[in-house]
Protein backbone atom coordinates (compact mmCIF):
# COMPACT_ATOMS: atom_id res chain seq x y z
CA UNK A 1 -10.20 6.72 9.17
CA UNK A 2 -13.11 5.95 6.83
CA UNK A 3 -13.93 2.29 6.42
CA UNK A 4 -12.65 0.74 3.19
CA UNK A 5 -13.48 -2.54 1.51
CA UNK A 6 -12.01 -4.63 -1.27
CA UNK A 7 -12.87 -3.33 -4.75
CA UNK A 8 -13.45 -6.95 -5.84
CA UNK A 9 -16.31 -9.27 -4.88
CA UNK A 10 -16.50 -13.03 -5.32
CA UNK A 11 -19.98 -14.44 -5.83
CA UNK A 12 -20.67 -17.18 -3.28
CA UNK A 13 -19.97 -20.77 -4.31
CA UNK A 14 -18.71 -19.65 -7.73
CA UNK A 15 -15.38 -18.74 -9.30
CA UNK A 16 -16.74 -15.39 -10.52
CA UNK A 17 -14.85 -12.33 -9.31
CA UNK A 18 -16.17 -8.91 -10.27
CA UNK A 19 -15.14 -5.34 -9.65
CA UNK A 20 -17.73 -3.86 -7.31
CA UNK A 21 -18.31 -0.90 -9.61
CA UNK A 22 -20.26 -2.35 -12.54
CA UNK A 23 -22.57 -1.02 -15.21
CA UNK A 24 -26.34 -1.16 -15.69
CA UNK A 25 -27.32 -1.30 -19.36
CA UNK A 26 -30.96 -0.23 -19.09
CA UNK A 27 -30.37 3.31 -20.35
CA UNK A 28 -28.87 2.06 -23.60
CA UNK A 29 -32.38 1.51 -24.97
CA UNK A 30 -34.61 4.30 -26.26
CA UNK A 31 -36.82 6.63 -24.19
CA UNK A 32 -38.74 4.85 -21.40
CA UNK A 33 -36.46 1.83 -22.00
CA UNK A 34 -38.36 1.15 -25.20
CA UNK A 35 -37.11 0.87 -28.77
CA UNK A 36 -33.61 1.54 -30.10
CA UNK A 37 -31.28 4.31 -28.92
CA UNK A 38 -31.01 7.53 -30.86
CA UNK A 39 -27.31 6.90 -31.39
CA UNK A 40 -26.28 3.26 -31.72
CA UNK A 41 -22.58 4.07 -32.09
CA UNK A 42 -22.66 6.03 -28.83
CA UNK A 43 -24.30 3.10 -27.04
CA UNK A 44 -21.61 0.74 -28.31
CA UNK A 45 -18.92 3.22 -27.25
CA UNK A 46 -20.25 3.36 -23.69
CA UNK A 47 -20.03 -0.41 -23.30
CA UNK A 48 -16.54 -0.63 -24.73
CA UNK A 49 -15.34 2.24 -22.56
CA UNK A 50 -16.84 0.54 -19.50
CA UNK A 51 -14.66 -2.51 -20.06
CA UNK A 52 -11.61 -0.28 -20.62
CA UNK A 53 -12.29 1.24 -17.19
CA UNK A 54 -12.30 -2.19 -15.54
CA UNK A 55 -15.99 -2.99 -15.49
CA UNK A 56 -16.57 -6.76 -15.68
CA UNK A 57 -20.13 -6.91 -14.32
CA UNK A 58 -22.94 -5.79 -16.64
CA UNK A 59 -26.58 -5.83 -15.59
CA UNK A 60 -29.20 -6.17 -18.31
CA UNK A 61 -32.47 -7.82 -19.34
CA UNK A 62 -34.08 -8.85 -22.57
CA UNK A 63 -37.17 -6.83 -21.62
CA UNK A 64 -35.10 -3.66 -21.95
CA UNK A 65 -36.12 -2.49 -25.38
CA UNK A 66 -37.32 -5.25 -25.55
CA UNK A 67 -34.32 -7.17 -26.93
CA UNK A 68 -32.51 -3.93 -27.81
CA UNK A 69 -30.09 -3.69 -24.90
CA UNK A 70 -28.92 -7.29 -25.14
CA UNK A 71 -28.41 -6.93 -28.88
CA UNK A 72 -26.27 -3.84 -28.29
CA UNK A 73 -24.19 -5.69 -25.70
CA UNK A 74 -23.59 -8.51 -28.17
CA UNK A 75 -22.73 -6.08 -30.96
CA UNK A 76 -20.29 -4.16 -28.76
CA UNK A 77 -18.60 -6.90 -26.75
CA UNK A 78 -19.04 -10.34 -28.33
CA UNK A 79 -17.00 -12.53 -28.17
CA UNK A 80 -16.86 -11.78 -24.46
CA UNK A 81 -13.77 -11.74 -22.30
CA UNK A 82 -13.54 -14.67 -19.88
CA UNK A 83 -13.88 -12.48 -16.80
CA UNK A 84 -17.03 -10.65 -17.93
CA UNK A 85 -20.13 -11.50 -15.87
CA UNK A 86 -23.44 -10.63 -17.53
CA UNK A 87 -26.41 -10.63 -15.18
CA UNK A 88 -29.90 -10.61 -16.63
CA UNK A 89 -33.39 -10.74 -15.15
CA UNK A 90 -36.75 -12.33 -15.91
CA UNK A 91 -40.32 -11.74 -14.80
CA UNK A 92 -41.76 -9.17 -17.18
CA UNK A 93 -42.67 -8.57 -20.81
CA UNK A 94 -43.23 -5.27 -22.59
CA UNK A 95 -46.52 -4.33 -24.16
CA UNK A 96 -46.79 -2.53 -27.49
CA UNK A 97 -47.54 0.61 -25.46
CA UNK A 98 -44.22 0.22 -23.56
CA UNK A 99 -46.05 -1.12 -20.49
CA UNK A 100 -44.35 -3.52 -18.07
CA UNK A 101 -46.40 -6.67 -17.58
CA UNK A 102 -45.84 -9.70 -15.32
CA UNK A 103 -44.56 -12.85 -17.09
CA UNK A 104 -44.35 -15.78 -14.70
CA UNK A 105 -45.76 -18.81 -16.47
CA UNK A 106 -43.46 -21.72 -17.28
CA UNK A 107 -43.63 -20.90 -20.98
CA UNK A 108 -42.97 -17.20 -20.44
CA UNK A 109 -39.96 -17.80 -18.21
CA UNK A 110 -38.57 -20.46 -20.54
CA UNK A 111 -39.02 -18.18 -23.53
CA UNK A 112 -37.32 -15.36 -21.67
CA UNK A 113 -34.26 -17.52 -20.94
CA UNK A 114 -33.95 -18.45 -24.60
CA UNK A 115 -34.48 -14.83 -25.70
CA UNK A 116 -31.66 -13.70 -23.43
CA UNK A 117 -29.39 -16.49 -24.66
CA UNK A 118 -30.06 -15.70 -28.30
CA UNK A 119 -29.75 -11.93 -28.10
CA UNK A 120 -26.64 -12.03 -25.92
CA UNK A 121 -25.04 -14.80 -27.98
CA UNK A 122 -24.52 -17.13 -25.02
CA UNK A 123 -24.94 -20.86 -24.42
CA UNK A 124 -25.69 -20.34 -20.71
CA UNK A 125 -26.58 -17.27 -18.66
CA UNK A 126 -24.08 -16.40 -15.91
CA UNK A 127 -26.66 -15.12 -13.42
CA UNK A 128 -30.42 -14.73 -13.77
CA UNK A 129 -32.32 -12.55 -11.32
CA UNK A 130 -35.95 -13.44 -10.71
CA UNK A 131 -37.72 -10.06 -10.65
CA UNK A 132 -40.79 -9.88 -8.42
CA UNK A 133 -43.33 -7.33 -9.58
CA UNK A 134 -45.46 -5.69 -6.86
CA UNK A 135 -48.47 -7.65 -5.67
CA UNK A 136 -47.98 -10.69 -7.89
CA UNK A 137 -47.18 -13.16 -5.13
CA UNK A 138 -49.41 -11.73 -2.42
CA UNK A 139 -52.51 -13.72 -3.37
CA UNK A 140 -53.03 -16.80 -5.49
CA UNK A 141 -49.63 -17.22 -7.17
CA UNK A 142 -46.93 -19.15 -5.29
CA UNK A 143 -43.45 -17.64 -5.17
CA UNK A 144 -41.84 -21.02 -4.49
CA UNK A 145 -43.72 -22.79 -7.28
CA UNK A 146 -42.83 -20.09 -9.80
CA UNK A 147 -39.18 -19.81 -8.77
CA UNK A 148 -38.89 -23.60 -9.09
CA UNK A 149 -39.30 -23.15 -12.85
CA UNK A 150 -35.99 -21.27 -12.95
CA UNK A 151 -34.37 -23.86 -10.69
CA UNK A 152 -35.32 -26.48 -13.29
CA UNK A 153 -33.85 -24.35 -16.09
CA UNK A 154 -30.67 -24.08 -14.04
CA UNK A 155 -30.54 -27.87 -13.74
CA UNK A 156 -30.84 -28.05 -17.54
CA UNK A 157 -27.64 -25.99 -17.82
CA UNK A 158 -29.24 -22.89 -19.35
CA UNK A 159 -28.57 -20.85 -16.20
CA UNK A 160 -25.41 -21.09 -14.13
CA UNK A 161 -26.51 -19.16 -11.05
CA UNK A 162 -29.67 -17.56 -9.70
CA UNK A 163 -30.48 -14.34 -7.89
CA UNK A 164 -33.65 -12.56 -6.83
CA UNK A 165 -34.85 -8.99 -7.29
CA UNK A 166 -37.34 -6.76 -5.47
CA UNK A 167 -37.84 -9.36 -2.76
CA UNK A 168 -38.46 -9.46 0.96
CA UNK A 169 -36.12 -11.33 3.30
CA UNK A 170 -38.83 -13.98 3.53
CA UNK A 171 -38.92 -14.47 -0.25
CA UNK A 172 -35.13 -14.63 -0.30
CA UNK A 173 -35.31 -17.43 2.27
CA UNK A 174 -37.91 -19.26 0.15
CA UNK A 175 -35.63 -19.07 -2.88
CA UNK A 176 -32.57 -20.06 -0.87
CA UNK A 177 -34.39 -23.19 0.33
CA UNK A 178 -34.58 -24.32 -3.32
CA UNK A 179 -31.08 -23.48 -4.58
CA UNK A 180 -28.02 -21.33 -3.93
CA UNK A 181 -28.78 -17.62 -4.34
CA UNK A 182 -25.76 -15.50 -5.29
CA UNK A 183 -27.28 -12.02 -5.28
CA UNK A 184 -30.22 -9.85 -4.29
CA UNK A 185 -31.16 -6.80 -6.36
CA UNK A 186 -33.47 -4.40 -4.52
CA UNK A 187 -34.13 -0.67 -4.44
CA UNK A 188 -31.83 1.01 -1.95
CA UNK A 189 -30.00 4.32 -1.79
CA UNK A 190 -28.78 7.01 0.56
CA UNK A 191 -32.35 8.17 1.28
CA UNK A 192 -34.26 4.89 1.08
CA UNK A 193 -32.66 2.51 3.56
CA UNK A 194 -35.40 0.02 4.36
CA UNK A 195 -33.02 -2.84 3.49
CA UNK A 196 -30.29 -1.89 5.98
CA UNK A 197 -30.73 -4.99 8.16
CA UNK A 198 -31.20 -7.21 5.10
CA UNK A 199 -27.92 -6.01 3.61
CA UNK A 200 -26.07 -6.80 6.81
CA UNK A 201 -27.59 -10.29 6.96
CA UNK A 202 -26.60 -10.99 3.36
CA UNK A 203 -23.09 -9.68 3.99
CA UNK A 204 -22.63 -12.27 6.73
CA UNK A 205 -23.59 -14.96 4.20
CA UNK A 206 -21.36 -13.52 1.49
CA UNK A 207 -24.33 -12.86 -0.80
CA UNK A 208 -24.09 -9.84 -3.10
CA UNK A 209 -26.54 -6.97 -2.73
CA UNK A 210 -27.07 -4.90 -5.87
CA UNK A 211 -29.02 -1.67 -5.30
CA UNK A 212 -31.03 -0.23 -8.15
CA UNK A 213 -32.70 3.12 -8.45
CA UNK A 214 -35.98 4.36 -9.96
CA UNK A 215 -35.86 5.94 -13.40
CA UNK A 216 -34.45 9.41 -12.97
CA UNK A 217 -31.52 8.18 -10.91
CA UNK A 218 -30.81 10.19 -7.80
CA UNK A 219 -33.05 13.14 -8.64
CA UNK A 220 -35.24 12.54 -5.56
CA UNK A 221 -32.10 12.80 -3.45
CA UNK A 222 -31.12 16.33 -4.35
CA UNK A 223 -31.38 17.42 -0.75
CA UNK A 224 -29.56 20.39 0.68
CA UNK A 225 -27.33 17.98 2.63
CA UNK A 226 -26.27 16.01 -0.44
CA UNK A 227 -25.74 19.15 -2.50
CA UNK A 228 -23.71 20.76 0.28
CA UNK A 229 -21.45 17.73 0.69
CA UNK A 230 -20.99 17.40 -3.08
CA UNK A 231 -20.03 21.06 -3.39
CA UNK A 232 -17.46 20.79 -0.60
CA UNK A 233 -15.94 17.66 -2.11
CA UNK A 234 -16.04 19.17 -5.60
CA UNK A 235 -17.90 16.18 -7.01
CA UNK A 236 -21.42 15.71 -8.34
CA UNK A 237 -24.27 14.63 -6.03
CA UNK A 238 -24.48 11.37 -8.00
CA UNK A 239 -20.82 10.64 -7.38
CA UNK A 240 -21.19 11.29 -3.66
CA UNK A 241 -24.29 9.10 -3.43
CA UNK A 242 -22.48 6.30 -5.28
CA UNK A 243 -19.42 6.68 -3.07
CA UNK A 244 -21.63 6.36 0.02
CA UNK A 245 -23.14 3.14 -1.35
CA UNK A 246 -19.72 1.78 -2.30
CA UNK A 247 -18.58 2.17 1.29
CA UNK A 248 -21.82 1.02 2.91
CA UNK A 249 -20.98 -2.71 2.88
CA UNK A 250 -18.41 -5.01 1.20
CA UNK A 251 -21.17 -7.05 -0.49
CA UNK A 252 -22.71 -4.06 -2.31
CA UNK A 253 -22.15 -4.10 -6.07
CA UNK A 254 -23.04 -0.95 -8.00
CA UNK A 255 -24.57 -0.86 -11.47
CA UNK A 256 -25.08 2.83 -12.33
CA UNK A 257 -26.39 3.24 -15.84
CA UNK A 258 -25.83 5.91 -18.44
CA UNK A 259 -25.78 6.37 -22.19
CA UNK A 260 -22.93 8.90 -21.98
CA UNK A 261 -19.22 8.08 -21.88
CA UNK A 262 -18.59 11.23 -19.82
CA UNK A 263 -21.15 10.23 -17.19
CA UNK A 264 -19.82 6.67 -17.22
CA UNK A 265 -16.35 7.91 -16.39
CA UNK A 266 -17.74 10.06 -13.57
CA UNK A 267 -19.67 7.12 -12.14
CA UNK A 268 -16.66 4.80 -12.20
CA UNK A 269 -14.51 7.48 -10.56
CA UNK A 270 -16.90 7.55 -7.58
CA UNK A 271 -15.27 4.35 -6.32
CA UNK A 272 -12.13 6.39 -5.59
CA UNK A 273 -13.94 9.12 -3.69
CA UNK A 274 -13.01 9.01 -0.01
CA UNK A 275 -15.63 9.91 2.59
CA UNK A 276 -14.53 10.83 6.10
CA UNK A 277 -16.50 9.55 9.11
CA UNK A 278 -17.84 13.08 9.56
CA UNK A 279 -19.05 13.29 5.95
CA UNK A 280 -20.55 9.80 6.18
CA UNK A 281 -22.44 10.76 9.31
CA UNK A 282 -23.75 13.86 7.58
CA UNK A 283 -24.94 11.81 4.62
CA UNK A 284 -26.56 9.28 6.94
CA UNK A 285 -28.77 12.07 8.22
CA UNK A 286 -30.54 12.27 4.84
CA UNK A 287 -32.45 9.06 5.54
CA UNK A 288 -32.94 9.88 9.21
CA UNK A 289 -34.59 13.22 8.35
CA UNK A 290 -36.54 11.98 5.33
């Protein structure tokens, strides 16, 4: 029989229980995650439908838009249900040209917390992920010193829990030495499995692992193997790839994003897609032969 896990995850040292199939709000903003969506009503409809389907974990950031995605979440869902967990992230600002720029000073991180609070309509942020942009902490800037700024904001009551994003196991350990870390959000998928050992280590600690994907979703994964499996199962390649992730480890939480209700429903349905040991082994070969 294929291995199955609970559909619910409890964040460590918290009372927060979430369904493992969540929703990533990035695609609610305009093209290139910049500016407003073409259809605001459609964006609102996606969020409301997500909750109807049992989603109670939404991933977002105030630098999506910027500000746009959080404002849509507030418009669609505020006042929030008690079980809804909204996870946001800090560490970047958007330029007027839609560029993504590092933002790690004390003032920038403090401003970002208040921007998220204001645009989401919250008094405290459930979980804040500290997003590490490539190369920033390899030279003069200290990861520990910078992350300590968020630890202080947590002590002030503006943040309830902290996570880290795009980090190495060593950076995770640095953060964990300062405060409890409830989740790690890194790039990981059926073809890019560099974090395999890291995921297993986090699972033993009960820490959530939230894989994200580059813009374009699973398009780089349209291999003959994935397409063949999807055709045999009569599901889309995206659904199969999500189902593989869902069954990879009990601490994996999924946050597929879309601006379409139809695609949302397909993504959520992937949690019900069973994969036999033979199919799983076939899918595992995608990374092995990459």
